[in-house]
């Protein structure tokens, strides 16, 4: 009987009964890899319930470094290159022409290796690189700011020097004569036209005339009747003049009527009889015997009565006399009535106002005549604008053109005549640099404009010192009278 087939207790000679020598670590590792690969191949061929293994589990037998390790070990450029390569591979796999089934090499088109390599926390965060500024970057910016500040300071300095030298006198002359373009739609048509211009007036649907909310209605507004302004200036009717004989006749009749009335009151006992009016001419006739007996006492009595009658006359005149306040009030009332008839405007051009007396006379007379306006003092010439009633302006016109001697010069009375704000103007001093009086012979005053206006443009009388034409025009522009400066400047 063959020993190999017997079940006895004798020695066995098969491979399993042999005594093996201890294997090395490399042999054990190779045997373990062979067993794992055999098991994986079997699972690929046949899974549970005869279903193939999921593609995500196919590469369990091969170890790959994680994406975090590769990203940490590789630089930013290498990581970007790998992501672009993976994206290109995915695009090729998921192209419209490719089928949606696993490819022949076992890869799944719906599998994203980028997402598979990420951890549970999502996309890994990359550390930011240090970005250094170039050398001299902030120094250049600081130099640019310094140059800009120096340029602005130079512009301001040039403008101040130009203003001081009077170079910009005529810079703003042209803008006074520029006519503005008309608007696309006037303000009075905004409520009638549905649009921003007149291009839609041909379309009846754009017009707000027949609509219910139109501003045009069937009602008529009758304006309040206003008296014509020329009626205010109409002179009052003149009284009828009488001859000297007619005046004496009326006076005689009036005194006779008063005398008869007084006599009737005396007869009725209402008024005591007046004492006889004794004068030196009727002394003997009135007193008679008494004057003969003691003529000295009678003469003294007559003189005393004459003095009493004179004092009574003086007292009556003083009672009728107005006080100083009443005189001012009466004068102001007359000036106000005169101004209500119409406002007259006068504009004068004076070459020089170096004489302080001239400035004083202009200001005091303007205030006394209740005139409003201004006096613009300029190194080249001076402009005086006054407005008020007809009577006041006539008096001021006589003062400026006839009464004042403009060629006369007088020494200055200290700094109060030419000092304003702590600055003394040389062209407002009566003396020149040598201390001598200036020659005022070519000085003169001219009437630039005379006319009427609707209302006063100034609230009170004042004066202003202007170094340049721009300041003078700005001071007059508040009253809308800057055109007078150009008019006076253009006069020869």
Protein backbone atom coordinates (compact mmCIF):
# COMPACT_ATOMS: atom_id res chain seq x y z
CA UNK A 1 0.00 0.00 0.00
CA UNK A 2 1.30 3.31 -0.88
CA UNK A 3 2.37 5.43 2.12
CA UNK A 4 1.23 8.55 0.66
CA UNK A 5 -2.37 7.35 0.65
CA UNK A 6 -2.33 5.68 4.05
CA UNK A 7 -3.74 7.34 7.12
CA UNK A 8 -1.36 5.73 9.54
CA UNK A 9 0.86 7.29 12.06
CA UNK A 10 3.98 6.88 10.03
CA UNK A 11 5.99 9.73 8.63
CA UNK A 12 4.33 11.85 5.91
CA UNK A 13 6.25 12.91 2.79
CA UNK A 14 3.88 15.62 1.30
CA UNK A 15 4.70 19.36 0.99
CA UNK A 16 2.51 20.41 3.91
CA UNK A 17 4.21 17.99 6.28
CA UNK A 18 7.61 19.32 5.52
CA UNK A 19 9.35 21.54 8.01
CA UNK A 20 9.95 25.00 6.43
CA UNK A 21 12.78 27.31 7.27
CA UNK A 22 11.96 30.75 8.64
CA UNK A 23 11.27 33.25 5.79
CA UNK A 24 12.72 36.77 5.57
CA UNK A 25 10.70 40.02 5.97
CA UNK A 26 10.96 40.77 2.25
CA UNK A 27 9.50 37.37 1.40
CA UNK A 28 6.62 37.90 3.83
CA UNK A 29 5.84 41.32 2.38
CA UNK A 30 5.90 39.95 -1.16
CA UNK A 31 3.57 37.10 -0.16
CA UNK A 32 1.16 39.55 1.56
CA UNK A 33 1.03 41.80 -1.55
CA UNK A 34 0.35 38.73 -3.72
CA UNK A 35 -2.56 37.68 -1.52
CA UNK A 36 -4.05 41.19 -1.48
CA UNK A 37 -3.77 41.53 -5.25
CA UNK A 38 -5.36 38.13 -5.75
CA UNK A 39 -8.23 39.10 -3.47
CA UNK A 40 -8.72 42.44 -5.27
CA UNK A 41 -8.72 40.74 -8.68
CA UNK A 42 -11.32 38.27 -7.45
CA UNK A 43 -13.47 41.11 -6.03
CA UNK A 44 -13.24 42.98 -9.30
CA UNK A 45 -14.40 40.03 -11.23
CA UNK A 46 -17.17 39.15 -8.87
CA UNK A 47 -18.57 41.25 -6.05
CA UNK A 48 -21.45 40.67 -3.72
CA UNK A 49 -24.56 39.38 -5.50
CA UNK A 50 -22.47 39.08 -8.67
CA UNK A 51 -22.20 42.94 -8.94
CA UNK A 52 -18.99 44.63 -9.94
CA UNK A 53 -17.04 46.67 -7.38
CA UNK A 54 -17.63 50.48 -7.27
CA UNK A 55 -14.98 52.37 -9.24
CA UNK A 56 -14.06 54.41 -6.16
CA UNK A 57 -12.90 51.16 -4.48
CA UNK A 58 -10.84 49.88 -7.38
CA UNK A 59 -7.57 51.65 -6.37
CA UNK A 60 -7.50 50.37 -2.79
CA UNK A 61 -4.56 48.18 -3.62
CA UNK A 62 -2.33 51.08 -4.74
CA UNK A 63 -1.34 53.86 -2.32
CA UNK A 64 -1.38 57.48 -3.53
CA UNK A 65 -0.21 60.55 -1.64
CA UNK A 66 -3.01 62.78 -0.39
CA UNK A 67 -3.73 66.09 -2.09
CA UNK A 68 -2.89 68.02 1.09
CA UNK A 69 0.55 66.38 1.23
CA UNK A 70 1.21 67.05 -2.43
CA UNK A 71 0.01 70.62 -2.16
CA UNK A 72 2.12 71.18 0.92
CA UNK A 73 5.23 69.75 -0.69
CA UNK A 74 4.70 71.41 -4.07
CA UNK A 75 4.76 75.13 -4.74
CA UNK A 76 1.83 77.27 -5.90
CA UNK A 77 2.82 77.00 -9.52
CA UNK A 78 2.98 73.18 -9.39
CA UNK A 79 -0.40 72.99 -7.65
CA UNK A 80 -2.00 75.18 -10.30
CA UNK A 81 -0.49 73.08 -13.06
CA UNK A 82 -1.83 69.88 -11.51
CA UNK A 83 -5.32 71.35 -11.08
CA UNK A 84 -5.36 72.53 -14.70
CA UNK A 85 -4.24 69.07 -15.85
CA UNK A 86 -6.97 67.40 -13.82
CA UNK A 87 -9.56 69.87 -15.11
CA UNK A 88 -8.49 69.12 -18.68
CA UNK A 89 -8.76 65.38 -18.06
CA UNK A 90 -12.22 65.79 -16.56
CA UNK A 91 -13.33 67.89 -19.52
CA UNK A 92 -12.11 65.24 -21.91
CA UNK A 93 -13.89 62.54 -19.97
CA UNK A 94 -17.15 64.45 -19.74
CA UNK A 95 -17.21 65.79 -23.29
CA UNK A 96 -20.61 65.76 -25.03
CA UNK A 97 -19.51 63.08 -27.44
CA UNK A 98 -18.32 60.59 -24.84
CA UNK A 99 -20.69 57.95 -23.42
CA UNK A 100 -21.94 58.15 -19.84
CA UNK A 101 -20.80 54.53 -19.08
CA UNK A 102 -17.51 53.50 -17.46
CA UNK A 103 -14.67 53.43 -19.97
CA UNK A 104 -12.77 50.39 -20.94
CA UNK A 105 -9.94 51.03 -18.48
CA UNK A 106 -12.37 50.96 -15.53
CA UNK A 107 -12.46 54.80 -14.87
CA UNK A 108 -15.77 56.48 -14.03
CA UNK A 109 -16.61 59.74 -15.94
CA UNK A 110 -18.64 60.99 -12.92
CA UNK A 111 -15.72 60.62 -10.55
CA UNK A 112 -13.82 63.85 -9.68
CA UNK A 113 -10.34 63.15 -8.42
CA UNK A 114 -10.04 66.70 -6.99
CA UNK A 115 -13.03 66.16 -4.72
CA UNK A 116 -11.93 62.64 -3.84
CA UNK A 117 -8.55 63.86 -2.64
CA UNK A 118 -10.04 66.53 -0.34
CA UNK A 119 -10.62 65.92 3.30
CA UNK A 120 -13.91 66.15 5.15
CA UNK A 121 -13.28 69.85 5.89
CA UNK A 122 -13.67 70.87 2.24
CA UNK A 123 -11.12 72.73 0.18
CA UNK A 124 -7.75 73.13 1.78
CA UNK A 125 -6.64 76.69 2.62
CA UNK A 126 -3.39 77.88 1.12
CA UNK A 127 -1.15 80.29 2.94
CA UNK A 128 -0.73 83.70 1.35
CA UNK A 129 2.61 84.71 0.00
CA UNK A 130 4.46 87.78 1.15
CA UNK A 131 4.26 90.62 -1.38
CA UNK A 132 6.92 93.26 -0.87
CA UNK A 133 6.56 96.87 -2.09
CA UNK A 134 9.05 98.12 -4.58
CA UNK A 135 11.86 100.29 -3.33
CA UNK A 136 10.97 104.01 -3.35
CA UNK A 137 7.22 103.54 -3.94
CA UNK A 138 6.02 105.67 -1.00
CA UNK A 139 8.82 108.20 -1.50
CA UNK A 140 7.52 108.86 -5.02
CA UNK A 141 3.97 109.29 -3.73
CA UNK A 142 5.15 111.76 -1.08
CA UNK A 143 7.12 113.74 -3.67
CA UNK A 144 4.02 113.92 -5.91
CA UNK A 145 1.92 115.29 -3.02
CA UNK A 146 4.59 117.87 -2.20
CA UNK A 147 4.73 119.01 -5.83
CA UNK A 148 0.91 119.35 -5.91
CA UNK A 149 0.88 121.40 -2.69
CA UNK A 150 3.68 123.64 -3.99
CA UNK A 151 1.74 124.19 -7.23
CA UNK A 152 -1.43 125.21 -5.36
CA UNK A 153 0.55 127.59 -3.14
CA UNK A 154 2.19 129.14 -6.22
CA UNK A 155 -1.24 129.66 -7.86
CA UNK A 156 -2.58 131.43 -4.75
CA UNK A 157 0.54 133.60 -4.55
CA UNK A 158 0.27 134.61 -8.22
CA UNK A 159 -3.46 135.39 -7.81
CA UNK A 160 -2.74 137.58 -4.77
CA UNK A 161 0.04 139.45 -6.60
CA UNK A 162 -2.21 139.92 -9.63
CA UNK A 163 -5.01 141.25 -7.48
CA UNK A 164 -2.61 143.62 -5.73
CA UNK A 165 -1.14 144.94 -8.96
CA UNK A 166 -4.56 145.41 -10.53
CA UNK A 167 -3.80 143.21 -13.55
CA UNK A 168 -7.17 141.45 -13.35
CA UNK A 169 -9.16 144.69 -13.68
CA UNK A 170 -10.67 143.79 -17.01
CA UNK A 171 -10.74 139.99 -16.68
CA UNK A 172 -14.43 139.88 -15.85
CA UNK A 173 -15.58 142.58 -18.28
CA UNK A 174 -16.54 140.17 -21.03
CA UNK A 175 -18.81 138.09 -18.83
CA UNK A 176 -21.04 141.13 -18.23
CA UNK A 177 -21.96 141.20 -21.92
CA UNK A 178 -22.45 137.45 -22.49
CA UNK A 179 -26.08 136.62 -23.21
CA UNK A 180 -27.23 133.31 -21.79
CA UNK A 181 -28.83 130.76 -24.08
CA UNK A 182 -32.62 130.47 -23.79
CA UNK A 183 -33.90 127.42 -21.88
CA UNK A 184 -35.38 124.45 -23.72
CA UNK A 185 -38.70 125.01 -21.91
CA UNK A 186 -39.76 128.26 -20.28
CA UNK A 187 -41.04 128.15 -16.72
CA UNK A 188 -44.46 129.50 -17.67
CA UNK A 189 -44.98 126.60 -20.11
CA UNK A 190 -43.96 123.79 -17.75
CA UNK A 191 -47.55 123.35 -16.57
CA UNK A 192 -48.90 123.18 -20.14
CA UNK A 193 -46.39 120.88 -21.89
CA UNK A 194 -45.73 117.29 -20.83
CA UNK A 195 -42.05 117.13 -21.73
CA UNK A 196 -38.70 118.83 -21.36
CA UNK A 197 -38.72 120.91 -24.58
CA UNK A 198 -41.00 122.35 -27.24
CA UNK A 199 -40.51 119.44 -29.64
CA UNK A 200 -43.72 117.73 -28.49
CA UNK A 201 -46.16 120.63 -28.86
CA UNK A 202 -47.43 119.20 -32.16
CA UNK A 203 -48.69 116.12 -30.32
CA UNK A 204 -52.09 116.89 -28.71
CA UNK A 205 -51.56 114.09 -26.20
CA UNK A 206 -48.52 115.92 -24.77
CA UNK A 207 -50.42 119.17 -24.10
CA UNK A 208 -52.12 119.83 -20.75
CA UNK A 209 -54.84 122.17 -21.97
CA UNK A 210 -58.05 120.13 -22.20
CA UNK A 211 -57.21 117.69 -19.39
CA UNK A 212 -59.19 117.92 -16.10
CA UNK A 213 -56.17 118.99 -14.05
CA UNK A 214 -55.11 121.72 -16.46
CA UNK A 215 -54.19 125.15 -15.12
CA UNK A 216 -56.38 126.74 -17.82
CA UNK A 217 -59.96 126.98 -16.57
CA UNK A 218 -63.15 128.73 -17.55
CA UNK A 219 -62.81 131.22 -14.71
CA UNK A 220 -61.53 134.73 -15.38
CA UNK A 221 -59.38 136.60 -12.91
CA UNK A 222 -59.86 140.34 -12.90
CA UNK A 223 -56.74 142.08 -11.59
CA UNK A 224 -57.05 144.81 -9.02
CA UNK A 225 -56.95 148.26 -10.58
CA UNK A 226 -53.74 150.08 -9.79
CA UNK A 227 -53.42 153.81 -9.98
CA UNK A 228 -51.06 154.99 -12.73
CA UNK A 229 -47.66 155.97 -11.32
CA UNK A 230 -47.57 159.24 -13.24
CA UNK A 231 -50.50 160.57 -11.19
CA UNK A 232 -48.25 160.68 -8.12
CA UNK A 233 -45.97 163.14 -9.85
CA UNK A 234 -48.78 165.46 -11.00
CA UNK A 235 -48.32 168.93 -9.45
CA UNK A 236 -51.06 170.16 -7.10
CA UNK A 237 -53.52 172.70 -8.46
CA UNK A 238 -52.26 176.26 -8.14
CA UNK A 239 -54.30 178.67 -5.99
CA UNK A 240 -55.92 181.74 -7.55
CA UNK A 241 -53.74 184.81 -7.08
CA UNK A 242 -55.37 188.10 -5.95
CA UNK A 243 -54.29 191.62 -6.53
CA UNK A 244 -53.17 193.86 -3.66
CA UNK A 245 -56.52 195.73 -3.61
CA UNK A 246 -58.48 192.50 -3.51
CA UNK A 247 -56.30 191.15 -0.66
CA UNK A 248 -56.80 194.39 1.36
CA UNK A 249 -60.55 194.25 0.81
CA UNK A 250 -60.78 190.63 2.03
CA UNK A 251 -58.62 191.43 5.07
CA UNK A 252 -60.82 194.44 5.95
CA UNK A 253 -64.01 192.43 5.68
CA UNK A 254 -62.60 189.64 7.82
CA UNK A 255 -61.46 192.00 10.59
CA UNK A 256 -64.79 193.79 10.53
CA UNK A 257 -66.63 190.52 11.02
CA UNK A 258 -64.38 189.60 13.96
CA UNK A 259 -64.91 193.02 15.57
CA UNK A 260 -68.69 192.79 15.29
CA UNK A 261 -68.61 189.35 16.86
CA UNK A 262 -66.51 190.62 19.78
CA UNK A 263 -68.82 193.59 20.37
CA UNK A 264 -71.85 191.32 20.46
CA UNK A 265 -70.20 189.13 23.11
CA UNK A 266 -69.34 192.21 25.22
CA UNK A 267 -72.92 193.47 25.05
CA UNK A 268 -74.21 190.11 26.19
CA UNK A 269 -71.74 190.05 29.06
CA UNK A 270 -69.97 186.92 27.86
CA UNK A 271 -66.59 188.61 27.57
CA UNK A 272 -65.29 191.47 29.75
CA UNK A 273 -64.56 194.73 27.97
CA UNK A 274 -60.89 195.09 27.08
CA UNK A 275 -58.95 198.00 28.62
CA UNK A 276 -58.31 200.95 26.37
CA UNK A 277 -55.25 200.53 24.15
CA UNK A 278 -53.16 203.49 25.22
CA UNK A 279 -50.21 204.56 23.08
CA UNK A 280 -48.01 207.61 23.18
CA UNK A 281 -49.89 209.04 20.26
CA UNK A 282 -53.35 208.89 21.86
CA UNK A 283 -52.22 209.49 25.44
CA UNK A 284 -53.88 212.87 25.89
CA UNK A 285 -57.01 211.92 24.03
CA UNK A 286 -57.70 208.73 25.99
CA UNK A 287 -56.67 209.76 29.52
CA UNK A 288 -57.45 213.48 29.34
CA UNK A 289 -57.36 215.13 32.80
CA UNK A 290 -55.32 212.32 34.38
CA UNK A 291 -52.51 212.95 31.90
CA UNK A 292 -52.55 216.63 32.70
CA UNK A 293 -52.35 216.13 36.47
CA UNK A 294 -49.42 213.64 36.49
CA UNK A 295 -47.90 213.21 33.04
CA UNK A 296 -44.83 211.29 34.33
CA UNK A 297 -46.92 208.53 35.96
CA UNK A 298 -49.15 208.29 32.90
CA UNK A 299 -46.14 207.96 30.60
CA UNK A 300 -44.68 205.20 32.76
CA UNK A 301 -48.01 203.41 32.70
CA UNK A 302 -48.22 203.66 28.92
CA UNK A 303 -44.66 202.31 28.51
CA UNK A 304 -45.47 199.38 30.81
CA UNK A 305 -48.57 198.49 28.77
CA UNK A 306 -46.62 198.69 25.54
CA UNK A 307 -43.96 196.33 26.97
CA UNK A 308 -46.65 193.88 28.13
CA UNK A 309 -48.27 193.81 24.72
CA UNK A 310 -44.89 193.18 23.07
CA UNK A 311 -44.05 190.39 25.51
CA UNK A 312 -47.41 188.76 24.89
CA UNK A 313 -46.71 188.84 21.16
CA UNK A 314 -43.29 187.24 21.67
CA UNK A 315 -44.76 184.51 23.91
CA UNK A 316 -47.42 183.70 21.32
CA UNK A 317 -44.74 183.31 18.65
CA UNK A 318 -42.68 181.04 20.91
CA UNK A 319 -45.70 178.83 21.55
CA UNK A 320 -46.28 178.40 17.84
CA UNK A 321 -42.60 177.69 17.21
CA UNK A 322 -41.70 173.99 16.58
CA UNK A 323 -39.15 172.13 18.71
CA UNK A 324 -36.03 170.52 17.28
CA UNK A 325 -37.61 167.06 17.24
CA UNK A 326 -40.75 168.41 15.60
CA UNK A 327 -38.66 170.11 12.93
CA UNK A 328 -36.83 166.84 12.14
CA UNK A 329 -40.12 164.96 12.06
CA UNK A 330 -41.69 167.52 9.73
CA UNK A 331 -38.66 167.42 7.43
CA UNK A 332 -38.67 163.60 7.38
CA UNK A 333 -42.37 163.59 6.53
CA UNK A 334 -41.79 165.97 3.62
CA UNK A 335 -38.87 163.89 2.35
CA UNK A 336 -40.92 160.70 2.60
CA UNK A 337 -43.79 162.26 0.64
CA UNK A 338 -41.28 163.46 -1.92
CA UNK A 339 -39.84 159.95 -2.28
CA UNK A 340 -43.31 158.42 -2.67
CA UNK A 341 -43.79 160.38 -5.88
CA UNK A 342 -40.86 158.56 -7.48
CA UNK A 343 -37.26 157.44 -6.81
CA UNK A 344 -34.61 159.38 -8.75
CA UNK A 345 -31.06 158.05 -9.24
CA UNK A 346 -27.88 160.09 -9.72
CA UNK A 347 -24.44 158.66 -10.55
CA UNK A 348 -21.33 160.85 -10.30
CA UNK A 349 -17.74 160.13 -11.29
CA UNK A 350 -14.99 161.92 -9.31
CA UNK A 351 -11.33 161.68 -10.23
CA UNK A 352 -9.96 161.94 -6.70
CA UNK A 353 -11.31 162.12 -3.14
CA UNK A 354 -7.98 162.76 -1.43
CA UNK A 355 -9.44 165.82 0.29
CA UNK A 356 -11.21 164.64 3.44
CA UNK A 357 -13.57 167.62 3.41
CA UNK A 358 -15.04 166.44 0.13
CA UNK A 359 -15.78 163.00 1.55
CA UNK A 360 -17.34 164.58 4.65
CA UNK A 361 -19.61 166.90 2.64
CA UNK A 362 -20.82 164.06 0.41
CA UNK A 363 -21.70 161.81 3.35
CA UNK A 364 -23.33 164.48 5.56
CA UNK A 365 -25.49 165.95 2.78
CA UNK A 366 -26.62 162.51 1.66
CA UNK A 367 -27.76 161.68 5.18
CA UNK A 368 -29.45 165.06 5.74
CA UNK A 369 -31.36 164.79 2.46
CA UNK A 370 -32.51 161.22 3.29
CA UNK A 371 -30.66 159.76 0.31
CA UNK A 372 -29.51 156.15 0.10
CA UNK A 373 -26.61 154.88 -1.95
CA UNK A 374 -22.89 154.29 -1.77
CA UNK A 375 -19.52 155.92 -2.41
CA UNK A 376 -16.96 153.59 -4.04
CA UNK A 377 -13.39 154.84 -3.48
CA UNK A 378 -10.89 153.43 -5.99
CA UNK A 379 -7.26 154.36 -6.84
CA UNK A 380 -8.22 155.26 -10.42
CA UNK A 381 -11.53 157.07 -9.88
CA UNK A 382 -14.44 157.30 -7.43
CA UNK A 383 -18.12 156.57 -8.03
CA UNK A 384 -21.00 158.11 -6.05
CA UNK A 385 -24.53 156.68 -6.43
CA UNK A 386 -27.48 158.32 -4.64
CA UNK A 387 -31.22 157.66 -4.82
CA UNK A 388 -34.17 159.47 -3.28
CA UNK A 389 -36.94 161.97 -3.93
CA UNK A 390 -36.91 164.60 -6.64
CA UNK A 391 -36.38 167.55 -4.27
CA UNK A 392 -33.51 165.83 -2.41
CA UNK A 393 -31.72 164.70 -5.57
CA UNK A 394 -31.93 168.22 -7.06
CA UNK A 395 -30.25 169.67 -3.98
CA UNK A 396 -27.54 166.97 -4.03
CA UNK A 397 -26.95 167.56 -7.73
CA UNK A 398 -26.35 171.29 -7.09
CA UNK A 399 -23.97 170.36 -4.29
CA UNK A 400 -21.89 168.03 -6.47
CA UNK A 401 -21.80 170.13 -9.65
CA UNK A 402 -21.84 173.71 -8.34
CA UNK A 403 -21.21 174.19 -4.64
CA UNK A 404 -18.14 171.99 -4.01
CA UNK A 405 -14.80 173.17 -5.36
CA UNK A 406 -13.13 169.90 -6.38
CA UNK A 407 -9.79 171.55 -7.14
CA UNK A 408 -9.35 172.61 -3.51
CA UNK A 409 -7.17 170.53 -1.20
CA UNK A 410 -6.77 170.66 2.57
CA UNK A 411 -4.40 168.88 4.99
CA UNK A 412 -5.55 165.60 6.47
CA UNK A 413 -7.01 165.62 9.98
CA UNK A 414 -5.21 162.53 11.17
CA UNK A 415 -5.79 158.87 10.44
CA UNK A 416 -9.56 158.98 10.90
CA UNK A 417 -10.03 160.37 7.37
CA UNK A 418 -8.00 157.76 5.53
CA UNK A 419 -7.55 154.84 7.92
CA UNK A 420 -9.88 151.88 7.74
CA UNK A 421 -9.15 148.53 9.27
CA UNK A 422 -5.68 149.67 10.36
CA UNK A 423 -4.44 150.24 6.78
CA UNK A 424 -3.62 153.73 5.43
CA UNK A 425 -4.17 154.19 1.68
CA UNK A 426 -1.68 156.50 0.05
CA UNK A 427 -4.12 157.53 -2.68
CA UNK A 428 -6.60 158.74 -0.03
CA UNK A 429 -4.05 161.02 1.66
CA UNK A 430 -4.05 164.74 0.94
CA UNK A 431 -0.22 164.79 1.06
CA UNK A 432 2.22 163.08 -1.23
CA UNK A 433 5.37 161.18 -0.24
CA UNK A 434 7.26 164.42 0.39
CA UNK A 435 4.59 165.71 2.77
CA UNK A 436 3.31 168.36 0.34
CA UNK A 437 -0.34 168.77 -0.65
CA UNK A 438 -1.28 167.02 -3.85
CA UNK A 439 -2.17 169.04 -6.91
CA UNK A 440 -5.97 168.80 -7.29
CA UNK A 441 -6.27 171.14 -10.29
CA UNK A 442 -7.23 168.36 -12.77
CA UNK A 443 -9.82 166.96 -10.36
CA UNK A 444 -13.44 167.22 -11.50
CA UNK A 445 -16.91 165.70 -10.97
CA UNK A 446 -19.06 164.46 -13.85
CA UNK A 447 -22.67 163.33 -13.96
CA UNK A 448 -22.67 159.79 -15.39
CA UNK A 449 -26.37 158.94 -15.19
CA UNK A 450 -29.64 160.54 -14.13
CA UNK A 451 -32.98 158.76 -14.18
CA UNK A 452 -35.77 157.11 -12.25
CA UNK A 453 -36.33 153.62 -10.91
CA UNK A 454 -39.16 151.66 -9.35
CA UNK A 455 -37.78 151.21 -5.82
CA UNK A 456 -34.66 151.83 -3.76
CA UNK A 457 -31.73 149.49 -4.38
CA UNK A 458 -29.81 150.45 -1.20
CA UNK A 459 -31.08 150.32 2.37
CA UNK A 460 -28.90 153.17 3.68
CA UNK A 461 -26.01 155.42 2.80
CA UNK A 462 -22.51 153.98 3.04
CA UNK A 463 -19.02 154.01 1.56
CA UNK A 464 -16.52 151.32 0.63
CA UNK A 465 -12.81 151.29 -0.26
CA UNK A 466 -11.99 148.95 -3.18
CA UNK A 467 -8.46 148.24 -4.38
CA UNK A 468 -9.43 146.52 -7.67
CA UNK A 469 -12.19 146.66 -10.24
CA UNK A 470 -13.38 143.20 -9.24
CA UNK A 471 -14.05 144.34 -5.67
CA UNK A 472 -15.92 147.41 -6.90
CA UNK A 473 -18.12 145.36 -9.23
CA UNK A 474 -18.79 142.85 -6.47
CA UNK A 475 -19.87 145.64 -4.09
CA UNK A 476 -22.22 147.09 -6.73
CA UNK A 477 -23.54 143.72 -7.90
CA UNK A 478 -25.48 143.29 -4.63
CA UNK A 479 -27.65 146.25 -5.70
CA UNK A 480 -27.53 145.17 -9.39
CA UNK A 481 -25.75 148.38 -10.37
CA UNK A 482 -22.38 147.00 -11.48
CA UNK A 483 -23.07 148.26 -15.01
CA UNK A 484 -22.56 151.83 -13.77
CA UNK A 485 -18.92 151.00 -13.02
CA UNK A 486 -18.30 149.92 -16.62
CA UNK A 487 -20.18 153.00 -17.86
CA UNK A 488 -18.09 155.36 -15.73
CA UNK A 489 -14.89 153.61 -16.64
CA UNK A 490 -15.61 154.02 -20.34
CA UNK A 491 -16.12 157.78 -20.04
CA UNK A 492 -13.28 159.92 -21.33
